[in-house]
């Protein structure tokens, strides 16, 4: 593929997706994905089991398909004050990637979640942040927390706001699918439209779709256990 796709935020039936992990991985491979993050919704009691099951599926998929698979979690509707504790716990359990479910406009996420996420170096991505503040975007830039432009219905409503704040503060951006079913998976063309719809110009779009994913991968490699 001359335009490989990276997507760091997807869900399987281990949380609220409709596909098994192996089917999601196969469909992503067929879509031209190069890198995919498996980030099922978890809390404190479920993260160890979910991570263990996803690692088994990764071993099988990477044996047969040319696909880089990151096993991670999405901390979802957890108490804002617990974000740091839970992110550290996930990394201790071997998560490659920690996503926090941000204060999207369409769900009652606890206020303060965005700030807690961007203040925590163990958090890698703040998903669909909603109406985060300029100060929070600055914290994301300082702590290397990537802000998500989401292609998911509803969660995407604040994409333009997030992109504008990232431009102003230097916070890093990614385009992710938040995939829950087959039709949610990205194509290069659709991801490009999401970026343009958020107000990115051609130079910014190239950076977000090309350079930013590689920057995140370098960060994750540098922070990997062992």
C-alpha atoms as a PDB file:
ATOM      1  CA  UNK A   1       0.000   0.000   0.000  1.00  0.00           C
ATOM      2  CA  UNK A   2       1.368   3.414  -0.931  1.00  0.00           C
ATOM      3  CA  UNK A   3      -0.903   5.137   1.601  1.00  0.00           C
ATOM      4  CA  UNK A   4      -0.800   2.986   4.726  1.00  0.00           C
ATOM      5  CA  UNK A   5      -3.392   3.713   7.375  1.00  0.00           C
ATOM      6  CA  UNK A   6      -2.693   4.179  11.068  1.00  0.00           C
ATOM      7  CA  UNK A   7      -5.514   4.028  13.592  1.00  0.00           C
ATOM      8  CA  UNK A   8      -4.797   3.977  17.317  1.00  0.00           C
ATOM      9  CA  UNK A   9      -8.355   3.693  18.658  1.00  0.00           C
ATOM     10  CA  UNK A  10     -10.605   0.682  17.938  1.00  0.00           C
ATOM     11  CA  UNK A  11     -12.939  -1.650  19.846  1.00  0.00           C
ATOM     12  CA  UNK A  12     -13.780  -5.353  19.735  1.00  0.00           C
ATOM     13  CA  UNK A  13     -16.485  -7.433  21.366  1.00  0.00           C
ATOM     14  CA  UNK A  14     -14.312  -7.567  24.475  1.00  0.00           C
ATOM     15  CA  UNK A  15     -16.034  -4.252  25.216  1.00  0.00           C
ATOM     16  CA  UNK A  16     -18.747  -2.747  22.986  1.00  0.00           C
ATOM     17  CA  UNK A  17     -17.521  -3.510  19.460  1.00  0.00           C
ATOM     18  CA  UNK A  18     -19.267  -6.085  17.283  1.00  0.00           C
ATOM     19  CA  UNK A  19     -16.226  -7.948  15.918  1.00  0.00           C
ATOM     20  CA  UNK A  20     -13.906 -10.434  17.553  1.00  0.00           C
ATOM     21  CA  UNK A  21     -10.344  -9.143  17.842  1.00  0.00           C
ATOM     22  CA  UNK A  22      -9.069 -11.418  15.080  1.00  0.00           C
ATOM     23  CA  UNK A  23     -11.832 -10.385  12.670  1.00  0.00           C
ATOM     24  CA  UNK A  24     -11.231  -6.717  13.374  1.00  0.00           C
ATOM     25  CA  UNK A  25      -7.525  -7.215  12.680  1.00  0.00           C
ATOM     26  CA  UNK A  26      -8.181  -9.071   9.435  1.00  0.00           C
ATOM     27  CA  UNK A  27     -10.600  -6.445   8.173  1.00  0.00           C
ATOM     28  CA  UNK A  28      -8.144  -3.683   9.083  1.00  0.00           C
ATOM     29  CA  UNK A  29      -5.390  -5.508   7.190  1.00  0.00           C
ATOM     30  CA  UNK A  30      -7.629  -5.769   4.127  1.00  0.00           C
ATOM     31  CA  UNK A  31      -8.403  -2.020   4.381  1.00  0.00           C
ATOM     32  CA  UNK A  32      -4.712  -1.219   4.046  1.00  0.00           C
ATOM     33  CA  UNK A  33      -3.944  -0.589   7.695  1.00  0.00           C
ATOM     34  CA  UNK A  34      -0.286  -0.568   8.649  1.00  0.00           C
ATOM     35  CA  UNK A  35      -0.757   0.124  12.380  1.00  0.00           C
ATOM     36  CA  UNK A  36      -3.786  -0.515  14.565  1.00  0.00           C
ATOM     37  CA  UNK A  37      -4.409   0.032  18.254  1.00  0.00           C
ATOM     38  CA  UNK A  38      -6.787  -2.345  20.005  1.00  0.00           C
ATOM     39  CA  UNK A  39      -8.143  -0.195  22.823  1.00  0.00           C
ATOM     40  CA  UNK A  40     -11.212  -1.759  24.364  1.00  0.00           C
ATOM     41  CA  UNK A  41     -13.061   0.105  27.105  1.00  0.00           C
ATOM     42  CA  UNK A  42     -11.855  -0.893  30.564  1.00  0.00           C
ATOM     43  CA  UNK A  43     -11.935   0.035  34.210  1.00  0.00           C
ATOM     44  CA  UNK A  44      -9.765  -1.176  37.045  1.00  0.00           C
ATOM     45  CA  UNK A  45     -11.345  -4.628  37.271  1.00  0.00           C
ATOM     46  CA  UNK A  46     -11.279  -5.547  33.589  1.00  0.00           C
ATOM     47  CA  UNK A  47      -8.013  -4.194  32.185  1.00  0.00           C
ATOM     48  CA  UNK A  48      -5.808  -7.175  33.095  1.00  0.00           C
ATOM     49  CA  UNK A  49      -8.113  -9.709  31.451  1.00  0.00           C
ATOM     50  CA  UNK A  50      -8.694  -7.608  28.343  1.00  0.00           C
ATOM     51  CA  UNK A  51      -4.990  -6.954  27.825  1.00  0.00           C
ATOM     52  CA  UNK A  52      -4.164 -10.648  28.193  1.00  0.00           C
ATOM     53  CA  UNK A  53      -6.798 -11.714  25.652  1.00  0.00           C
ATOM     54  CA  UNK A  54      -5.773  -9.055  23.133  1.00  0.00           C
ATOM     55  CA  UNK A  55      -2.120 -10.077  23.378  1.00  0.00           C
ATOM     56  CA  UNK A  56      -3.030 -13.636  22.420  1.00  0.00           C
ATOM     57  CA  UNK A  57      -4.902 -12.424  19.336  1.00  0.00           C
ATOM     58  CA  UNK A  58      -1.972 -10.191  18.389  1.00  0.00           C
ATOM     59  CA  UNK A  59       0.426 -13.145  18.444  1.00  0.00           C
ATOM     60  CA  UNK A  60      -1.731 -14.990  15.953  1.00  0.00           C
ATOM     61  CA  UNK A  61      -2.405 -12.054  13.630  1.00  0.00           C
ATOM     62  CA  UNK A  62       1.173 -10.781  13.442  1.00  0.00           C
ATOM     63  CA  UNK A  63       2.367 -14.283  12.526  1.00  0.00           C
ATOM     64  CA  UNK A  64       0.386 -14.197   9.280  1.00  0.00           C
ATOM     65  CA  UNK A  65      -0.380 -10.578   8.373  1.00  0.00           C
ATOM     66  CA  UNK A  66       1.901  -7.592   7.838  1.00  0.00           C
ATOM     67  CA  UNK A  67       0.227  -5.465  10.488  1.00  0.00           C
ATOM     68  CA  UNK A  68       1.695  -3.726  13.523  1.00  0.00           C
ATOM     69  CA  UNK A  69      -0.698  -4.221  16.428  1.00  0.00           C
ATOM     70  CA  UNK A  70      -0.649  -2.187  19.620  1.00  0.00           C
ATOM     71  CA  UNK A  71      -2.496  -3.718  22.560  1.00  0.00           C
ATOM     72  CA  UNK A  72      -3.985  -1.037  24.747  1.00  0.00           C
ATOM     73  CA  UNK A  73      -6.970   0.201  26.691  1.00  0.00           C
ATOM     74  CA  UNK A  74      -9.438   3.040  26.689  1.00  0.00           C
ATOM     75  CA  UNK A  75     -10.163   4.290  30.205  1.00  0.00           C
ATOM     76  CA  UNK A  76     -13.840   5.062  29.874  1.00  0.00           C
ATOM     77  CA  UNK A  77     -16.153   6.969  32.247  1.00  0.00           C
ATOM     78  CA  UNK A  78     -13.716   6.445  35.109  1.00  0.00           C
ATOM     79  CA  UNK A  79     -13.508   9.027  37.915  1.00  0.00           C
ATOM     80  CA  UNK A  80     -11.372  11.908  36.729  1.00  0.00           C
ATOM     81  CA  UNK A  81      -9.287  11.744  39.895  1.00  0.00           C
ATOM     82  CA  UNK A  82      -8.442   8.094  39.130  1.00  0.00           C
ATOM     83  CA  UNK A  83      -7.131   8.638  35.587  1.00  0.00           C
ATOM     84  CA  UNK A  84      -3.459   8.823  36.570  1.00  0.00           C
ATOM     85  CA  UNK A  85      -3.669   5.773  38.842  1.00  0.00           C
ATOM     86  CA  UNK A  86      -5.424   3.700  36.193  1.00  0.00           C
ATOM     87  CA  UNK A  87      -3.110   4.801  33.373  1.00  0.00           C
ATOM     88  CA  UNK A  88      -0.080   3.796  35.454  1.00  0.00           C
ATOM     89  CA  UNK A  89      -1.758   0.473  36.256  1.00  0.00           C
ATOM     90  CA  UNK A  90      -2.404  -0.221  32.572  1.00  0.00           C
ATOM     91  CA  UNK A  91       1.217   0.479  31.666  1.00  0.00           C
ATOM     92  CA  UNK A  92       2.371  -1.725  34.575  1.00  0.00           C
ATOM     93  CA  UNK A  93       0.245  -4.529  33.107  1.00  0.00           C
ATOM     94  CA  UNK A  94       2.025  -4.117  29.782  1.00  0.00           C
ATOM     95  CA  UNK A  95      -0.354  -1.929  27.788  1.00  0.00           C
ATOM     96  CA  UNK A  96       1.380  -0.493  24.750  1.00  0.00           C
ATOM     97  CA  UNK A  97      -1.118   2.329  24.535  1.00  0.00           C
ATOM     98  CA  UNK A  98      -3.386   4.181  26.964  1.00  0.00           C
ATOM     99  CA  UNK A  99      -6.329   6.142  25.581  1.00  0.00           C
ATOM    100  CA  UNK A 100      -8.655   8.181  27.796  1.00  0.00           C
ATOM    101  CA  UNK A 101     -12.295   8.668  26.824  1.00  0.00           C
ATOM    102  CA  UNK A 102     -12.518  12.451  26.728  1.00  0.00           C
ATOM    103  CA  UNK A 103     -15.321  14.867  27.497  1.00  0.00           C
ATOM    104  CA  UNK A 104     -17.165  14.345  24.226  1.00  0.00           C
ATOM    105  CA  UNK A 105     -20.236  16.493  23.629  1.00  0.00           C
ATOM    106  CA  UNK A 106     -22.513  13.450  23.378  1.00  0.00           C
ATOM    107  CA  UNK A 107     -21.822  11.542  26.613  1.00  0.00           C
ATOM    108  CA  UNK A 108     -21.861  12.532  30.315  1.00  0.00           C
ATOM    109  CA  UNK A 109     -18.142  12.099  30.997  1.00  0.00           C
ATOM    110  CA  UNK A 110     -17.091  13.386  34.409  1.00  0.00           C
ATOM    111  CA  UNK A 111     -15.861  16.995  34.263  1.00  0.00           C
ATOM    112  CA  UNK A 112     -12.132  17.194  34.811  1.00  0.00           C
ATOM    113  CA  UNK A 113     -11.379  14.078  32.777  1.00  0.00           C
ATOM    114  CA  UNK A 114      -9.721  16.033  29.958  1.00  0.00           C
ATOM    115  CA  UNK A 115      -7.464  17.887  32.384  1.00  0.00           C
ATOM    116  CA  UNK A 116      -6.537  14.700  34.221  1.00  0.00           C
ATOM    117  CA  UNK A 117      -5.647  12.972  30.954  1.00  0.00           C
ATOM    118  CA  UNK A 118      -3.471  15.729  29.488  1.00  0.00           C
ATOM    119  CA  UNK A 119      -1.686  16.115  32.845  1.00  0.00           C
ATOM    120  CA  UNK A 120      -0.640  12.447  32.901  1.00  0.00           C
ATOM    121  CA  UNK A 121       2.486  11.364  30.977  1.00  0.00           C
ATOM    122  CA  UNK A 122       1.282   7.733  31.013  1.00  0.00           C
ATOM    123  CA  UNK A 123      -1.702   8.745  28.855  1.00  0.00           C
ATOM    124  CA  UNK A 124      -0.925   8.592  25.151  1.00  0.00           C
ATOM    125  CA  UNK A 125      -4.155   9.806  23.534  1.00  0.00           C
ATOM    126  CA  UNK A 126      -7.089  11.895  24.730  1.00  0.00           C
ATOM    127  CA  UNK A 127      -9.939  10.653  22.580  1.00  0.00           C
ATOM    128  CA  UNK A 128     -12.677  13.018  21.349  1.00  0.00           C
ATOM    129  CA  UNK A 129     -11.862  15.749  23.910  1.00  0.00           C
ATOM    130  CA  UNK A 130     -14.946  17.873  23.241  1.00  0.00           C
ATOM    131  CA  UNK A 131     -14.624  21.493  24.332  1.00  0.00           C
ATOM    132  CA  UNK A 132     -11.247  21.269  26.014  1.00  0.00           C
ATOM    133  CA  UNK A 133      -9.639  24.547  27.015  1.00  0.00           C
ATOM    134  CA  UNK A 134      -6.553  26.248  25.662  1.00  0.00           C
ATOM    135  CA  UNK A 135      -4.790  25.568  28.968  1.00  0.00           C
ATOM    136  CA  UNK A 136      -5.587  21.866  28.632  1.00  0.00           C
ATOM    137  CA  UNK A 137      -4.272  21.835  25.070  1.00  0.00           C
ATOM    138  CA  UNK A 138      -1.043  23.421  26.327  1.00  0.00           C
ATOM    139  CA  UNK A 139      -0.734  20.671  28.934  1.00  0.00           C
ATOM    140  CA  UNK A 140      -1.216  18.086  26.196  1.00  0.00           C
ATOM    141  CA  UNK A 141       1.649  19.664  24.261  1.00  0.00           C
ATOM    142  CA  UNK A 142       3.879  19.713  27.349  1.00  0.00           C
ATOM    143  CA  UNK A 143       3.171  16.086  28.281  1.00  0.00           C
ATOM    144  CA  UNK A 144       3.136  14.586  24.800  1.00  0.00           C
ATOM    145  CA  UNK A 145      -0.527  13.585  24.965  1.00  0.00           C
ATOM    146  CA  UNK A 146      -2.042  13.346  21.478  1.00  0.00           C
ATOM    147  CA  UNK A 147      -5.455  14.897  20.874  1.00  0.00           C
ATOM    148  CA  UNK A 148      -7.840  12.962  18.695  1.00  0.00           C
ATOM    149  CA  UNK A 149      -9.791  14.071  15.657  1.00  0.00           C
ATOM    150  CA  UNK A 150     -12.509  11.434  15.601  1.00  0.00           C
ATOM    151  CA  UNK A 151     -14.354  10.049  12.616  1.00  0.00           C
ATOM    152  CA  UNK A 152     -17.101   8.690  14.888  1.00  0.00           C
ATOM    153  CA  UNK A 153     -20.550  10.226  14.683  1.00  0.00           C
ATOM    154  CA  UNK A 154     -21.241  12.582  17.572  1.00  0.00           C
ATOM    155  CA  UNK A 155     -17.705  12.445  18.907  1.00  0.00           C
ATOM    156  CA  UNK A 156     -16.569  14.331  15.803  1.00  0.00           C
ATOM    157  CA  UNK A 157     -18.692  17.416  16.576  1.00  0.00           C
ATOM    158  CA  UNK A 158     -15.816  19.247  18.282  1.00  0.00           C
ATOM    159  CA  UNK A 159     -13.096  18.291  15.784  1.00  0.00           C
ATOM    160  CA  UNK A 160     -12.774  21.837  14.453  1.00  0.00           C
ATOM    161  CA  UNK A 161     -12.386  23.246  17.965  1.00  0.00           C
ATOM    162  CA  UNK A 162      -9.746  20.622  18.840  1.00  0.00           C
ATOM    163  CA  UNK A 163      -7.802  21.258  15.625  1.00  0.00           C
ATOM    164  CA  UNK A 164      -7.818  25.025  16.190  1.00  0.00           C
ATOM    165  CA  UNK A 165      -6.490  24.656  19.732  1.00  0.00           C
ATOM    166  CA  UNK A 166      -3.816  22.217  18.592  1.00  0.00           C
ATOM    167  CA  UNK A 167      -2.696  24.700  15.952  1.00  0.00           C
ATOM    168  CA  UNK A 168      -2.500  27.453  18.561  1.00  0.00           C
ATOM    169  CA  UNK A 169      -0.703  25.460  21.265  1.00  0.00           C
ATOM    170  CA  UNK A 170       1.368  22.898  19.383  1.00  0.00           C
ATOM    171  CA  UNK A 171      -0.499  19.947  20.878  1.00  0.00           C
ATOM    172  CA  UNK A 172      -0.082  16.848  18.688  1.00  0.00           C
ATOM    173  CA  UNK A 173      -3.057  15.551  16.711  1.00  0.00           C
ATOM    174  CA  UNK A 174      -4.108  12.164  15.353  1.00  0.00           C
ATOM    175  CA  UNK A 175      -7.036  11.016  13.234  1.00  0.00           C
ATOM    176  CA  UNK A 176      -8.641   7.847  14.638  1.00  0.00           C
ATOM    177  CA  UNK A 177     -11.766   5.864  13.843  1.00  0.00           C
ATOM    178  CA  UNK A 178     -13.002   4.820  17.301  1.00  0.00           C
ATOM    179  CA  UNK A 179     -14.185   1.817  15.316  1.00  0.00           C
ATOM    180  CA  UNK A 180     -16.935  -0.361  16.775  1.00  0.00           C
ATOM    181  CA  UNK A 181     -18.060  -2.156  13.604  1.00  0.00           C
ATOM    182  CA  UNK A 182     -16.672  -2.946  10.121  1.00  0.00           C
ATOM    183  CA  UNK A 183     -17.963   0.154   8.376  1.00  0.00           C
ATOM    184  CA  UNK A 184     -16.213   2.371  10.933  1.00  0.00           C
ATOM    185  CA  UNK A 185     -12.738   1.377   9.780  1.00  0.00           C
ATOM    186  CA  UNK A 186     -10.801   4.086   7.999  1.00  0.00           C
ATOM    187  CA  UNK A 187      -9.669   4.391   4.447  1.00  0.00           C
ATOM    188  CA  UNK A 188      -6.964   6.877   3.529  1.00  0.00           C
ATOM    189  CA  UNK A 189      -9.476   8.984   1.627  1.00  0.00           C
ATOM    190  CA  UNK A 190     -11.997   9.097   4.468  1.00  0.00           C
ATOM    191  CA  UNK A 191      -9.340   9.963   7.040  1.00  0.00           C
ATOM    192  CA  UNK A 192      -8.216  12.781   4.759  1.00  0.00           C
ATOM    193  CA  UNK A 193     -11.776  14.123   4.618  1.00  0.00           C
ATOM    194  CA  UNK A 194     -12.014  14.039   8.402  1.00  0.00           C
ATOM    195  CA  UNK A 195      -8.862  16.140   8.628  1.00  0.00           C
ATOM    196  CA  UNK A 196      -9.998  18.617   6.005  1.00  0.00           C
ATOM    197  CA  UNK A 197     -13.407  18.857   7.648  1.00  0.00           C
ATOM    198  CA  UNK A 198     -11.688  19.799  10.900  1.00  0.00           C
ATOM    199  CA  UNK A 199     -10.019  22.701   9.102  1.00  0.00           C
ATOM    200  CA  UNK A 200      -6.555  21.282   8.489  1.00  0.00           C
ATOM    201  CA  UNK A 201      -4.701  22.685   5.487  1.00  0.00           C
ATOM    202  CA  UNK A 202      -2.658  20.463   3.182  1.00  0.00           C
ATOM    203  CA  UNK A 203       0.552  20.854   5.172  1.00  0.00           C
ATOM    204  CA  UNK A 204      -1.181  20.157   8.483  1.00  0.00           C
ATOM    205  CA  UNK A 205      -2.985  17.161   7.036  1.00  0.00           C
ATOM    206  CA  UNK A 206       0.284  15.672   5.813  1.00  0.00           C
ATOM    207  CA  UNK A 207       1.768  16.128   9.275  1.00  0.00           C
ATOM    208  CA  UNK A 208      -1.217  14.621  11.101  1.00  0.00           C
ATOM    209  CA  UNK A 209      -1.557  11.614   8.797  1.00  0.00           C
ATOM    210  CA  UNK A 210       2.134  10.972   8.199  1.00  0.00           C
ATOM    211  CA  UNK A 211       4.481  12.433  10.770  1.00  0.00           C
ATOM    212  CA  UNK A 212       2.308  12.370  13.908  1.00  0.00           C
ATOM    213  CA  UNK A 213       1.682   8.591  13.901  1.00  0.00           C
ATOM    214  CA  UNK A 214       5.403   7.956  13.559  1.00  0.00           C
ATOM    215  CA  UNK A 215       6.067  10.376  16.406  1.00  0.00           C
ATOM    216  CA  UNK A 216       3.630   8.477  18.620  1.00  0.00           C
ATOM    217  CA  UNK A 217       5.202   5.149  17.685  1.00  0.00           C
ATOM    218  CA  UNK A 218       8.645   6.475  18.621  1.00  0.00           C
ATOM    219  CA  UNK A 219       7.266   7.664  21.970  1.00  0.00           C
ATOM    220  CA  UNK A 220       5.672   4.290  22.677  1.00  0.00           C
ATOM    221  CA  UNK A 221       8.826   2.415  21.719  1.00  0.00           C
ATOM    222  CA  UNK A 222      10.881   4.623  23.998  1.00  0.00           C
ATOM    223  CA  UNK A 223       8.500   4.037  26.903  1.00  0.00           C
ATOM    224  CA  UNK A 224       8.056   0.293  26.378  1.00  0.00           C
ATOM    225  CA  UNK A 225       8.826  -1.907  29.347  1.00  0.00           C
ATOM    226  CA  UNK A 226      12.078  -3.781  29.078  1.00  0.00           C
END
